[in-house]
N, C-alpha and C. Protein backbone atom coordinates (compact mmCIF):
# COMPACT_ATOMS: atom_id res chain seq x y z
N MET A 1 99.74 33.34 -193.54
CA MET A 1 100.29 33.94 -192.35
C MET A 1 99.39 33.67 -191.14
N PHE A 2 98.06 33.76 -191.37
CA PHE A 2 97.12 33.53 -190.27
C PHE A 2 97.25 32.11 -189.74
N SER A 3 97.38 31.12 -190.63
CA SER A 3 97.46 29.74 -190.17
C SER A 3 98.78 29.49 -189.44
N PHE A 4 99.87 30.16 -189.85
CA PHE A 4 101.15 30.00 -189.15
C PHE A 4 101.04 30.54 -187.72
N ILE A 5 100.39 31.66 -187.53
CA ILE A 5 100.21 32.24 -186.19
C ILE A 5 99.32 31.34 -185.35
N THR A 6 98.29 30.79 -185.94
CA THR A 6 97.40 29.87 -185.23
C THR A 6 98.16 28.63 -184.76
N VAL A 7 98.97 28.06 -185.64
CA VAL A 7 99.76 26.87 -185.29
C VAL A 7 100.77 27.22 -184.19
N LEU A 8 101.42 28.35 -184.32
CA LEU A 8 102.40 28.77 -183.32
C LEU A 8 101.72 28.99 -181.96
N PHE A 9 100.56 29.64 -181.97
CA PHE A 9 99.81 29.86 -180.73
C PHE A 9 99.40 28.52 -180.11
N ALA A 10 98.91 27.60 -180.91
CA ALA A 10 98.51 26.28 -180.42
C ALA A 10 99.70 25.53 -179.82
N PHE A 11 100.87 25.66 -180.46
CA PHE A 11 102.08 25.01 -179.95
C PHE A 11 102.44 25.56 -178.57
N PHE A 12 102.48 26.89 -178.44
CA PHE A 12 102.83 27.48 -177.15
C PHE A 12 101.79 27.16 -176.08
N LEU A 13 100.53 27.11 -176.45
CA LEU A 13 99.48 26.74 -175.51
C LEU A 13 99.68 25.30 -175.03
N ALA A 14 100.01 24.40 -175.94
CA ALA A 14 100.25 23.00 -175.56
C ALA A 14 101.45 22.88 -174.63
N VAL A 15 102.50 23.65 -174.87
CA VAL A 15 103.68 23.62 -174.00
C VAL A 15 103.33 24.12 -172.61
N VAL A 16 102.58 25.20 -172.52
CA VAL A 16 102.21 25.77 -171.22
C VAL A 16 101.31 24.80 -170.46
N VAL A 17 100.34 24.21 -171.11
CA VAL A 17 99.42 23.28 -170.46
C VAL A 17 100.15 22.02 -170.00
N ALA A 18 101.10 21.55 -170.78
CA ALA A 18 101.81 20.31 -170.47
C ALA A 18 102.94 20.51 -169.47
N TYR A 19 103.34 21.72 -169.19
CA TYR A 19 104.46 21.98 -168.30
C TYR A 19 104.08 21.62 -166.87
N PRO A 20 104.88 20.79 -166.20
CA PRO A 20 104.55 20.41 -164.82
C PRO A 20 104.66 21.62 -163.90
N THR A 21 103.70 21.76 -163.00
CA THR A 21 103.68 22.92 -162.11
C THR A 21 104.33 22.66 -160.77
N SER A 22 104.36 21.43 -160.34
CA SER A 22 105.02 21.11 -159.08
C SER A 22 105.39 19.63 -159.08
N LYS A 23 106.26 19.29 -158.15
CA LYS A 23 106.69 17.91 -158.03
C LYS A 23 105.50 17.08 -157.52
N SER A 24 105.25 15.94 -158.14
CA SER A 24 104.13 15.11 -157.71
C SER A 24 104.39 14.56 -156.32
N GLN A 25 103.33 14.37 -155.57
CA GLN A 25 103.45 13.86 -154.21
C GLN A 25 103.10 12.39 -154.18
N GLU A 26 103.79 11.66 -153.32
CA GLU A 26 103.52 10.25 -153.15
C GLU A 26 102.24 10.09 -152.34
N LEU A 27 101.35 9.23 -152.80
CA LEU A 27 100.11 8.96 -152.09
C LEU A 27 100.39 7.93 -151.01
N MET A 28 100.13 8.29 -149.76
CA MET A 28 100.39 7.42 -148.63
C MET A 28 99.07 6.88 -148.10
N VAL A 29 98.96 5.57 -147.99
CA VAL A 29 97.77 4.95 -147.42
C VAL A 29 98.19 4.20 -146.18
N TRP A 30 97.55 4.50 -145.06
CA TRP A 30 97.82 3.83 -143.80
C TRP A 30 96.76 2.78 -143.58
N ASN A 31 97.17 1.58 -143.27
CA ASN A 31 96.27 0.44 -143.20
C ASN A 31 96.38 -0.23 -141.83
N PRO A 32 95.71 0.32 -140.79
CA PRO A 32 95.85 -0.25 -139.45
C PRO A 32 95.14 -1.59 -139.31
N THR A 33 95.71 -2.46 -138.49
CA THR A 33 95.10 -3.75 -138.21
C THR A 33 94.06 -3.59 -137.11
N ILE A 34 92.86 -4.11 -137.33
CA ILE A 34 91.84 -4.12 -136.29
C ILE A 34 92.20 -5.22 -135.31
N THR A 35 92.35 -4.86 -134.03
CA THR A 35 92.76 -5.83 -133.01
C THR A 35 91.58 -6.37 -132.21
N SER A 36 90.45 -5.70 -132.26
CA SER A 36 89.24 -6.19 -131.61
C SER A 36 88.05 -5.57 -132.33
N PRO A 37 87.09 -6.36 -132.73
CA PRO A 37 86.83 -7.76 -132.39
C PRO A 37 87.76 -8.72 -133.13
N THR A 38 87.87 -9.93 -132.59
CA THR A 38 88.65 -11.00 -133.20
C THR A 38 87.71 -12.12 -133.63
N SER A 39 88.26 -13.15 -134.22
CA SER A 39 87.43 -14.26 -134.68
C SER A 39 86.79 -15.04 -133.53
N SER A 40 87.28 -14.88 -132.31
CA SER A 40 86.67 -15.57 -131.17
C SER A 40 85.71 -14.68 -130.39
N THR A 41 85.42 -13.48 -130.91
CA THR A 41 84.55 -12.52 -130.23
C THR A 41 83.09 -12.92 -130.39
N ASN A 42 82.33 -12.75 -129.30
CA ASN A 42 80.88 -12.91 -129.30
C ASN A 42 80.27 -11.63 -128.75
N TRP A 43 79.50 -10.95 -129.56
CA TRP A 43 78.80 -9.75 -129.12
C TRP A 43 77.31 -10.06 -129.07
N CYS A 44 76.64 -9.43 -128.15
CA CYS A 44 75.20 -9.57 -128.02
C CYS A 44 74.56 -8.29 -128.56
N ALA A 45 73.52 -8.44 -129.37
CA ALA A 45 72.81 -7.27 -129.89
C ALA A 45 72.34 -6.41 -128.72
N GLY A 46 72.44 -5.10 -128.89
CA GLY A 46 72.00 -4.16 -127.87
C GLY A 46 73.04 -3.82 -126.81
N THR A 47 74.25 -4.33 -126.95
CA THR A 47 75.29 -4.06 -125.95
C THR A 47 76.40 -3.19 -126.54
N GLN A 48 77.18 -2.56 -125.64
CA GLN A 48 78.27 -1.68 -126.06
C GLN A 48 79.59 -2.44 -126.09
N HIS A 49 80.45 -2.03 -127.03
CA HIS A 49 81.74 -2.69 -127.20
C HIS A 49 82.79 -1.69 -127.67
N ASN A 50 84.04 -2.00 -127.37
CA ASN A 50 85.17 -1.24 -127.91
C ASN A 50 85.67 -1.94 -129.16
N VAL A 51 85.86 -1.18 -130.22
CA VAL A 51 86.57 -1.66 -131.40
C VAL A 51 87.94 -1.01 -131.32
N THR A 52 89.00 -1.80 -131.47
CA THR A 52 90.36 -1.27 -131.35
C THR A 52 91.17 -1.59 -132.59
N TRP A 53 92.18 -0.75 -132.84
CA TRP A 53 93.09 -0.96 -133.97
C TRP A 53 94.47 -0.49 -133.57
N ASP A 54 95.46 -1.00 -134.27
CA ASP A 54 96.86 -0.70 -133.99
C ASP A 54 97.24 0.62 -134.67
N THR A 55 97.72 1.58 -133.89
CA THR A 55 98.09 2.89 -134.44
C THR A 55 99.59 2.99 -134.72
N THR A 56 100.31 1.90 -134.58
CA THR A 56 101.76 1.90 -134.84
C THR A 56 102.03 2.33 -136.28
N GLY A 57 102.97 3.23 -136.45
CA GLY A 57 103.37 3.66 -137.79
C GLY A 57 102.41 4.63 -138.46
N MET A 58 101.52 5.23 -137.68
CA MET A 58 100.57 6.19 -138.26
C MET A 58 101.31 7.40 -138.81
N PRO A 59 101.16 7.69 -140.11
CA PRO A 59 101.83 8.86 -140.69
C PRO A 59 101.27 10.16 -140.12
N GLU A 60 102.09 11.19 -140.10
CA GLU A 60 101.69 12.50 -139.58
C GLU A 60 100.44 13.04 -140.29
N ASP A 61 100.37 12.84 -141.62
CA ASP A 61 99.25 13.41 -142.37
C ASP A 61 97.93 12.68 -142.13
N VAL A 62 97.94 11.61 -141.35
CA VAL A 62 96.71 10.86 -141.04
C VAL A 62 96.27 11.13 -139.61
N LYS A 63 97.12 11.70 -138.78
CA LYS A 63 96.84 11.83 -137.35
C LYS A 63 95.60 12.66 -137.03
N ASN A 64 95.19 13.53 -137.89
CA ASN A 64 93.98 14.33 -137.65
C ASN A 64 92.78 13.83 -138.44
N THR A 65 92.89 12.65 -139.01
CA THR A 65 91.80 12.08 -139.80
C THR A 65 90.75 11.48 -138.87
N THR A 66 89.48 11.65 -139.25
CA THR A 66 88.40 11.03 -138.48
C THR A 66 87.94 9.76 -139.17
N GLY A 67 87.31 8.88 -138.37
CA GLY A 67 86.93 7.57 -138.88
C GLY A 67 85.43 7.36 -138.93
N LEU A 68 85.07 6.28 -139.61
CA LEU A 68 83.70 5.80 -139.74
C LEU A 68 83.75 4.30 -139.54
N LEU A 69 82.87 3.76 -138.69
CA LEU A 69 82.84 2.34 -138.40
C LEU A 69 81.50 1.76 -138.83
N LEU A 70 81.55 0.77 -139.72
CA LEU A 70 80.34 0.14 -140.24
C LEU A 70 80.31 -1.34 -139.90
N LEU A 71 79.11 -1.88 -139.77
CA LEU A 71 78.90 -3.30 -139.55
C LEU A 71 78.52 -3.94 -140.88
N GLY A 72 79.00 -5.13 -141.12
CA GLY A 72 78.66 -5.85 -142.34
C GLY A 72 78.84 -7.34 -142.17
N HIS A 73 78.54 -8.07 -143.21
CA HIS A 73 78.82 -9.51 -143.27
C HIS A 73 79.08 -9.87 -144.72
N GLN A 74 80.07 -10.72 -144.93
CA GLN A 74 80.54 -11.06 -146.27
C GLN A 74 79.65 -12.12 -146.93
N THR A 75 79.31 -11.86 -148.18
CA THR A 75 78.71 -12.88 -149.05
C THR A 75 79.57 -12.93 -150.30
N GLU A 76 79.21 -13.77 -151.24
CA GLU A 76 80.03 -13.92 -152.45
C GLU A 76 80.24 -12.60 -153.20
N ASP A 77 79.22 -11.76 -153.21
CA ASP A 77 79.29 -10.56 -154.05
C ASP A 77 79.25 -9.24 -153.29
N SER A 78 79.27 -9.29 -151.94
CA SER A 78 79.13 -8.03 -151.21
C SER A 78 79.61 -8.18 -149.76
N GLU A 79 80.03 -7.04 -149.20
CA GLU A 79 80.33 -6.99 -147.77
C GLU A 79 79.09 -6.63 -146.96
N ASN A 80 77.99 -6.30 -147.64
CA ASN A 80 76.72 -5.98 -146.99
C ASN A 80 76.89 -4.97 -145.85
N LEU A 81 77.60 -3.90 -146.13
CA LEU A 81 77.86 -2.88 -145.12
C LEU A 81 76.61 -2.05 -144.86
N ASP A 82 76.29 -1.85 -143.59
CA ASP A 82 75.14 -1.04 -143.21
C ASP A 82 75.55 0.43 -143.19
N ILE A 83 75.53 1.04 -144.37
CA ILE A 83 75.98 2.43 -144.50
C ILE A 83 74.97 3.43 -143.94
N HIS A 84 73.74 3.00 -143.73
CA HIS A 84 72.71 3.91 -143.23
C HIS A 84 72.71 4.01 -141.71
N ARG A 85 73.34 3.04 -141.03
CA ARG A 85 73.40 3.06 -139.56
C ARG A 85 74.84 2.78 -139.11
N PRO A 86 75.72 3.76 -139.22
CA PRO A 86 77.10 3.53 -138.78
C PRO A 86 77.14 3.19 -137.29
N LEU A 87 78.06 2.32 -136.91
CA LEU A 87 78.26 2.02 -135.49
C LEU A 87 78.91 3.20 -134.78
N ALA A 88 79.75 3.95 -135.49
CA ALA A 88 80.40 5.14 -134.94
C ALA A 88 80.86 6.02 -136.10
N ALA A 89 80.96 7.32 -135.84
CA ALA A 89 81.39 8.26 -136.89
C ALA A 89 82.11 9.44 -136.26
N ASN A 90 82.98 10.06 -137.05
CA ASN A 90 83.69 11.29 -136.67
C ASN A 90 84.55 11.16 -135.41
N PHE A 91 85.20 10.02 -135.24
CA PHE A 91 86.11 9.82 -134.12
C PHE A 91 87.55 9.90 -134.64
N PRO A 92 88.50 10.35 -133.82
CA PRO A 92 89.89 10.45 -134.27
C PRO A 92 90.51 9.06 -134.46
N LEU A 93 91.05 8.80 -135.63
CA LEU A 93 91.72 7.51 -135.88
C LEU A 93 92.93 7.34 -134.97
N SER A 94 93.53 8.45 -134.56
CA SER A 94 94.74 8.38 -133.73
C SER A 94 94.47 7.80 -132.34
N LEU A 95 93.21 7.74 -131.90
CA LEU A 95 92.90 7.16 -130.59
C LEU A 95 93.20 5.66 -130.55
N GLY A 96 92.93 4.97 -131.64
CA GLY A 96 93.13 3.53 -131.67
C GLY A 96 91.95 2.74 -131.14
N TRP A 97 90.86 3.40 -130.83
CA TRP A 97 89.66 2.70 -130.35
C TRP A 97 88.45 3.61 -130.50
N VAL A 98 87.28 2.97 -130.50
CA VAL A 98 86.02 3.71 -130.46
C VAL A 98 84.97 2.80 -129.81
N MET A 99 84.10 3.39 -129.01
CA MET A 99 83.01 2.67 -128.37
C MET A 99 81.82 2.68 -129.33
N CYS A 100 81.16 1.53 -129.45
CA CYS A 100 79.97 1.46 -130.31
C CYS A 100 78.92 0.59 -129.64
N THR A 101 77.67 0.75 -130.06
CA THR A 101 76.57 -0.07 -129.57
C THR A 101 76.04 -0.91 -130.71
N MET A 102 75.99 -2.20 -130.49
CA MET A 102 75.42 -3.11 -131.48
C MET A 102 73.91 -2.90 -131.47
N PRO A 103 73.29 -2.57 -132.61
CA PRO A 103 71.85 -2.32 -132.62
C PRO A 103 71.04 -3.51 -132.08
N ASN A 104 69.95 -3.19 -131.36
CA ASN A 104 69.08 -4.23 -130.79
C ASN A 104 68.52 -5.18 -131.84
N ASN A 105 68.25 -4.65 -133.02
CA ASN A 105 67.61 -5.47 -134.05
C ASN A 105 68.61 -6.17 -134.97
N THR A 106 69.86 -6.31 -134.52
CA THR A 106 70.86 -7.02 -135.31
C THR A 106 70.54 -8.51 -135.30
N ALA A 107 70.36 -9.08 -136.47
CA ALA A 107 70.04 -10.51 -136.57
C ALA A 107 71.24 -11.34 -136.15
N PRO A 108 71.02 -12.40 -135.38
CA PRO A 108 72.13 -13.26 -134.99
C PRO A 108 72.77 -13.92 -136.22
N ARG A 109 74.08 -13.95 -136.26
CA ARG A 109 74.82 -14.67 -137.30
C ARG A 109 76.28 -14.76 -136.88
N PRO A 110 77.02 -15.74 -137.40
CA PRO A 110 78.39 -15.97 -136.96
C PRO A 110 79.46 -15.26 -137.79
N ASP A 111 79.07 -14.45 -138.76
CA ASP A 111 80.06 -13.92 -139.70
C ASP A 111 80.01 -12.40 -139.88
N TYR A 112 79.68 -11.69 -138.79
CA TYR A 112 79.72 -10.23 -138.87
C TYR A 112 81.16 -9.75 -138.90
N MET A 113 81.34 -8.54 -139.39
CA MET A 113 82.64 -7.88 -139.39
C MET A 113 82.40 -6.39 -139.21
N VAL A 114 83.40 -5.71 -138.69
CA VAL A 114 83.36 -4.25 -138.67
C VAL A 114 84.40 -3.77 -139.67
N VAL A 115 84.07 -2.66 -140.33
CA VAL A 115 84.99 -2.06 -141.30
C VAL A 115 85.28 -0.65 -140.84
N LEU A 116 86.57 -0.36 -140.69
CA LEU A 116 87.05 0.94 -140.25
C LEU A 116 87.47 1.75 -141.46
N PHE A 117 86.78 2.88 -141.69
CA PHE A 117 87.13 3.78 -142.78
C PHE A 117 87.77 5.03 -142.19
N GLY A 118 88.70 5.56 -142.91
CA GLY A 118 89.39 6.79 -142.54
C GLY A 118 90.37 7.07 -143.64
N ASP A 119 91.55 6.52 -143.51
CA ASP A 119 92.55 6.63 -144.57
C ASP A 119 92.40 5.49 -145.57
N SER A 120 91.85 4.38 -145.11
CA SER A 120 91.59 3.23 -145.97
C SER A 120 90.45 2.45 -145.33
N GLY A 121 90.04 1.36 -145.91
CA GLY A 121 88.99 0.53 -145.34
C GLY A 121 89.61 -0.75 -144.79
N ASN A 122 89.53 -0.94 -143.49
CA ASN A 122 90.12 -2.11 -142.86
C ASN A 122 89.02 -2.96 -142.26
N THR A 123 89.11 -4.26 -142.44
CA THR A 123 88.06 -5.17 -142.03
C THR A 123 88.54 -6.07 -140.90
N SER A 124 87.67 -6.26 -139.90
CA SER A 124 87.98 -7.18 -138.81
C SER A 124 87.78 -8.61 -139.29
N PRO A 125 88.29 -9.57 -138.53
CA PRO A 125 87.94 -10.96 -138.82
C PRO A 125 86.45 -11.16 -138.54
N PRO A 126 85.82 -12.19 -139.11
CA PRO A 126 84.41 -12.45 -138.81
C PRO A 126 84.23 -12.77 -137.33
N PHE A 127 83.12 -12.31 -136.75
CA PHE A 127 82.82 -12.60 -135.34
C PHE A 127 81.34 -12.86 -135.19
N ASN A 128 80.95 -13.35 -134.03
CA ASN A 128 79.58 -13.80 -133.77
C ASN A 128 78.77 -12.72 -133.07
N VAL A 129 77.51 -12.56 -133.49
CA VAL A 129 76.56 -11.70 -132.79
C VAL A 129 75.36 -12.56 -132.43
N THR A 130 74.95 -12.48 -131.15
CA THR A 130 73.82 -13.26 -130.67
C THR A 130 72.62 -12.36 -130.42
N GLN A 131 71.50 -12.97 -130.07
CA GLN A 131 70.28 -12.23 -129.81
C GLN A 131 70.45 -11.32 -128.61
N PRO A 132 69.61 -10.27 -128.53
CA PRO A 132 69.71 -9.36 -127.38
C PRO A 132 69.42 -10.08 -126.07
N LEU A 133 70.01 -9.57 -125.01
CA LEU A 133 69.72 -10.10 -123.68
C LEU A 133 68.30 -9.73 -123.30
N THR A 134 67.59 -10.63 -122.67
CA THR A 134 66.24 -10.32 -122.19
C THR A 134 66.35 -9.77 -120.78
N GLN A 135 65.45 -8.86 -120.46
CA GLN A 135 65.54 -8.23 -119.14
C GLN A 135 64.46 -8.70 -118.24
């Protein structure tokens, strides 16, 4: 009798645990195109720039999301994102732009990219960064 009650209890427990509690929600990812910088962009280390992206089709549930902008450069095995020195942080994605300053000590190279995080990670085309201007 004890084992029958145990089995019955286990059965009811399994039914309760497996019973769906609500309708599942569709996961929506918004993937805006970065419109600036472009592949023909040249930035100088130590100068300020606008990074822009297309906000067309932004879902309502993303409109209050804040963004993070990182600098990186692609190699075979990594995007080499500078996560310790974001170019910008905590800005509204709904603006479609953010002002950032290229660090003075950014090494010149032709293949930098910016990555916009918020609802997803979006990467700009590679662009050129040159040495800082001398004063």
